[in-house]
Amino acid sequence: MSTLQEIEKAIDGLPREQVFALGEWLQQRIEDQWDARFEEDATSGRLARAAERALKEHRAGKSTDFPGDAEQSG
C-alpha cells in the first residue's frame, strides 16, 4: 500500500474494533509528532520569537482577552 486511497480502502475493510485500535494508534502518533515538533521549535528559538512578537503586539494595545478571561480576573 503506497497511496492514501489504497490505505483508505484497506481501512474500510477492517472490523470496527480494528478501526478503533487504528484510530488510537494514529492519535498517539500524531501526538508524538506534535511533541517532537514543539521540542524542535523550542530548541530552535522559534517559540521565543513568537512570544516576543505577541508581547510587542500586546504592549502596543493590539491584543484582546480570550473569552472568559475577564470573568476570571474580576
N, C-alpha and C. Protein backbone atom coordinates (compact mmCIF):
# COMPACT_ATOMS: atom_id res chain seq x y z
N MET A 1 0.84 -1.17 0.00
CA MET A 1 0.00 0.00 0.00
C MET A 1 0.88 1.23 0.00
N SER A 2 0.75 2.01 -1.04
CA SER A 2 1.62 3.18 -1.11
C SER A 2 0.86 4.48 -1.31
N THR A 3 -0.43 4.41 -1.50
CA THR A 3 -1.19 5.64 -1.67
C THR A 3 -2.25 5.76 -0.59
N LEU A 4 -2.65 6.96 -0.35
CA LEU A 4 -3.69 7.21 0.64
C LEU A 4 -4.98 6.50 0.25
N GLN A 5 -5.30 6.48 -1.02
CA GLN A 5 -6.53 5.79 -1.47
C GLN A 5 -6.47 4.30 -1.15
N GLU A 6 -5.32 3.68 -1.33
CA GLU A 6 -5.18 2.26 -1.01
C GLU A 6 -5.33 2.02 0.49
N ILE A 7 -4.76 2.91 1.27
CA ILE A 7 -4.86 2.78 2.72
C ILE A 7 -6.31 2.96 3.17
N GLU A 8 -6.98 3.96 2.62
CA GLU A 8 -8.38 4.20 2.97
C GLU A 8 -9.24 2.98 2.62
N LYS A 9 -8.98 2.39 1.46
CA LYS A 9 -9.75 1.21 1.04
C LYS A 9 -9.50 0.05 2.00
N ALA A 10 -8.25 -0.13 2.42
CA ALA A 10 -7.93 -1.20 3.37
C ALA A 10 -8.60 -0.96 4.71
N ILE A 11 -8.63 0.28 5.15
CA ILE A 11 -9.28 0.61 6.42
C ILE A 11 -10.77 0.33 6.34
N ASP A 12 -11.36 0.64 5.20
CA ASP A 12 -12.79 0.38 5.03
C ASP A 12 -13.12 -1.10 5.20
N GLY A 13 -12.15 -1.98 4.95
CA GLY A 13 -12.38 -3.42 5.07
C GLY A 13 -12.12 -3.97 6.46
N LEU A 14 -11.66 -3.15 7.37
CA LEU A 14 -11.34 -3.63 8.72
C LEU A 14 -12.59 -3.76 9.58
N PRO A 15 -12.57 -4.68 10.52
CA PRO A 15 -13.65 -4.74 11.51
C PRO A 15 -13.60 -3.48 12.39
N ARG A 16 -14.73 -3.15 12.96
CA ARG A 16 -14.87 -1.94 13.77
C ARG A 16 -13.80 -1.85 14.86
N GLU A 17 -13.56 -2.94 15.57
CA GLU A 17 -12.60 -2.91 16.67
C GLU A 17 -11.20 -2.54 16.17
N GLN A 18 -10.84 -3.04 15.00
CA GLN A 18 -9.52 -2.71 14.44
C GLN A 18 -9.47 -1.26 13.97
N VAL A 19 -10.58 -0.75 13.49
CA VAL A 19 -10.63 0.67 13.10
C VAL A 19 -10.40 1.54 14.33
N PHE A 20 -11.05 1.18 15.44
CA PHE A 20 -10.86 1.94 16.68
C PHE A 20 -9.41 1.84 17.16
N ALA A 21 -8.84 0.64 17.10
CA ALA A 21 -7.44 0.46 17.50
C ALA A 21 -6.52 1.28 16.60
N LEU A 22 -6.80 1.30 15.32
CA LEU A 22 -6.00 2.09 14.38
C LEU A 22 -6.14 3.58 14.71
N GLY A 23 -7.34 4.01 15.03
CA GLY A 23 -7.56 5.41 15.40
C GLY A 23 -6.76 5.80 16.62
N GLU A 24 -6.74 4.93 17.62
CA GLU A 24 -5.96 5.21 18.83
C GLU A 24 -4.48 5.27 18.52
N TRP A 25 -4.00 4.33 17.69
CA TRP A 25 -2.59 4.32 17.29
C TRP A 25 -2.25 5.60 16.54
N LEU A 26 -3.12 5.99 15.60
CA LEU A 26 -2.86 7.18 14.80
C LEU A 26 -2.87 8.44 15.68
N GLN A 27 -3.81 8.52 16.62
CA GLN A 27 -3.85 9.66 17.52
C GLN A 27 -2.56 9.76 18.33
N GLN A 28 -2.06 8.64 18.82
CA GLN A 28 -0.80 8.64 19.58
C GLN A 28 0.36 9.08 18.70
N ARG A 29 0.38 8.62 17.47
CA ARG A 29 1.44 9.01 16.54
C ARG A 29 1.41 10.51 16.27
N ILE A 30 0.21 11.06 16.09
CA ILE A 30 0.07 12.49 15.87
C ILE A 30 0.56 13.26 17.09
N GLU A 31 0.17 12.81 18.27
CA GLU A 31 0.62 13.48 19.50
C GLU A 31 2.13 13.42 19.65
N ASP A 32 2.73 12.28 19.33
CA ASP A 32 4.18 12.14 19.42
C ASP A 32 4.88 13.09 18.44
N GLN A 33 4.35 13.18 17.22
CA GLN A 33 4.95 14.07 16.23
C GLN A 33 4.76 15.53 16.63
N TRP A 34 3.60 15.85 17.20
CA TRP A 34 3.37 17.21 17.69
C TRP A 34 4.39 17.56 18.78
N ASP A 35 4.58 16.64 19.72
CA ASP A 35 5.55 16.87 20.79
C ASP A 35 6.95 17.08 20.23
N ALA A 36 7.33 16.27 19.24
CA ALA A 36 8.66 16.40 18.64
C ALA A 36 8.80 17.74 17.94
N ARG A 37 7.76 18.16 17.24
CA ARG A 37 7.80 19.45 16.54
C ARG A 37 7.90 20.60 17.55
N PHE A 38 7.13 20.50 18.62
CA PHE A 38 7.18 21.54 19.66
C PHE A 38 8.58 21.63 20.25
N GLU A 39 9.17 20.49 20.54
CA GLU A 39 10.53 20.45 21.08
C GLU A 39 11.52 21.09 20.10
N GLU A 40 11.39 20.78 18.81
CA GLU A 40 12.26 21.38 17.79
C GLU A 40 12.09 22.89 17.77
N ASP A 41 10.83 23.34 17.82
CA ASP A 41 10.57 24.78 17.79
C ASP A 41 11.12 25.47 19.03
N ALA A 42 10.99 24.83 20.18
CA ALA A 42 11.51 25.41 21.42
C ALA A 42 13.03 25.49 21.38
N THR A 43 13.66 24.44 20.91
CA THR A 43 15.11 24.38 20.84
C THR A 43 15.68 25.38 19.84
N SER A 44 14.97 25.57 18.73
CA SER A 44 15.47 26.45 17.67
C SER A 44 15.26 27.93 17.96
N GLY A 45 14.43 28.24 18.95
CA GLY A 45 14.16 29.63 19.26
C GLY A 45 12.92 30.18 18.58
N ARG A 46 12.25 29.38 17.75
CA ARG A 46 11.04 29.85 17.07
C ARG A 46 9.97 30.29 18.05
N LEU A 47 9.82 29.58 19.16
CA LEU A 47 8.80 29.94 20.14
C LEU A 47 9.16 31.25 20.83
N ALA A 48 10.42 31.48 21.08
CA ALA A 48 10.84 32.73 21.71
C ALA A 48 10.52 33.91 20.80
N ARG A 49 10.76 33.76 19.52
CA ARG A 49 10.45 34.84 18.58
C ARG A 49 8.95 35.09 18.52
N ALA A 50 8.15 34.03 18.55
CA ALA A 50 6.69 34.20 18.53
C ALA A 50 6.22 34.88 19.81
N ALA A 51 6.81 34.52 20.93
CA ALA A 51 6.44 35.15 22.21
C ALA A 51 6.82 36.63 22.21
N GLU A 52 7.98 36.95 21.69
CA GLU A 52 8.40 38.35 21.62
C GLU A 52 7.44 39.17 20.77
N ARG A 53 7.03 38.62 19.62
CA ARG A 53 6.07 39.32 18.76
C ARG A 53 4.74 39.52 19.48
N ALA A 54 4.28 38.48 20.17
CA ALA A 54 2.99 38.56 20.87
C ALA A 54 3.05 39.61 21.98
N LEU A 55 4.14 39.64 22.73
CA LEU A 55 4.28 40.64 23.80
C LEU A 55 4.34 42.05 23.23
N LYS A 56 5.05 42.21 22.13
CA LYS A 56 5.15 43.52 21.49
C LYS A 56 3.77 44.00 21.05
N GLU A 57 3.00 43.13 20.43
CA GLU A 57 1.65 43.50 20.00
C GLU A 57 0.75 43.78 21.20
N HIS A 58 0.88 42.99 22.25
CA HIS A 58 0.07 43.20 23.46
C HIS A 58 0.39 44.56 24.08
N ARG A 59 1.67 44.86 24.20
CA ARG A 59 2.08 46.13 24.81
C ARG A 59 1.65 47.32 23.95
N ALA A 60 1.48 47.10 22.65
CA ALA A 60 1.03 48.15 21.75
C ALA A 60 -0.50 48.26 21.74
N GLY A 61 -1.16 47.45 22.58
CA GLY A 61 -2.62 47.52 22.66
C GLY A 61 -3.34 46.79 21.55
N LYS A 62 -2.66 45.87 20.89
CA LYS A 62 -3.24 45.16 19.75
C LYS A 62 -3.74 43.77 20.11
N SER A 63 -3.99 43.51 21.40
CA SER A 63 -4.47 42.19 21.80
C SER A 63 -5.84 42.33 22.46
N THR A 64 -6.53 41.22 22.52
CA THR A 64 -7.83 41.18 23.20
C THR A 64 -7.84 40.00 24.16
N ASP A 65 -8.72 40.07 25.16
CA ASP A 65 -8.85 38.96 26.09
C ASP A 65 -9.46 37.75 25.41
N PHE A 66 -9.09 36.58 25.87
CA PHE A 66 -9.76 35.36 25.44
C PHE A 66 -11.14 35.36 26.07
N PRO A 67 -12.11 34.75 25.39
CA PRO A 67 -13.44 34.66 26.01
C PRO A 67 -13.31 33.98 27.38
N GLY A 68 -13.93 34.58 28.38
CA GLY A 68 -13.90 34.01 29.73
C GLY A 68 -12.79 34.58 30.59
N ASP A 69 -11.75 35.19 30.00
CA ASP A 69 -10.65 35.74 30.80
C ASP A 69 -11.12 36.86 31.71
N ALA A 70 -11.97 37.73 31.22
CA ALA A 70 -12.44 38.86 32.03
C ALA A 70 -13.22 38.38 33.24
N GLU A 71 -13.96 37.28 33.09
CA GLU A 71 -14.73 36.73 34.19
C GLU A 71 -13.82 36.21 35.30
N GLN A 72 -12.69 35.64 34.95
CA GLN A 72 -11.79 35.05 35.92
C GLN A 72 -10.95 36.10 36.64
N SER A 73 -10.68 37.22 35.99
CA SER A 73 -9.80 38.21 36.59
C SER A 73 -10.54 39.12 37.56
N GLY A 74 -11.84 39.11 37.53
CA GLY A 74 -12.53 40.05 38.38
C GLY A 74 -13.40 39.45 39.33
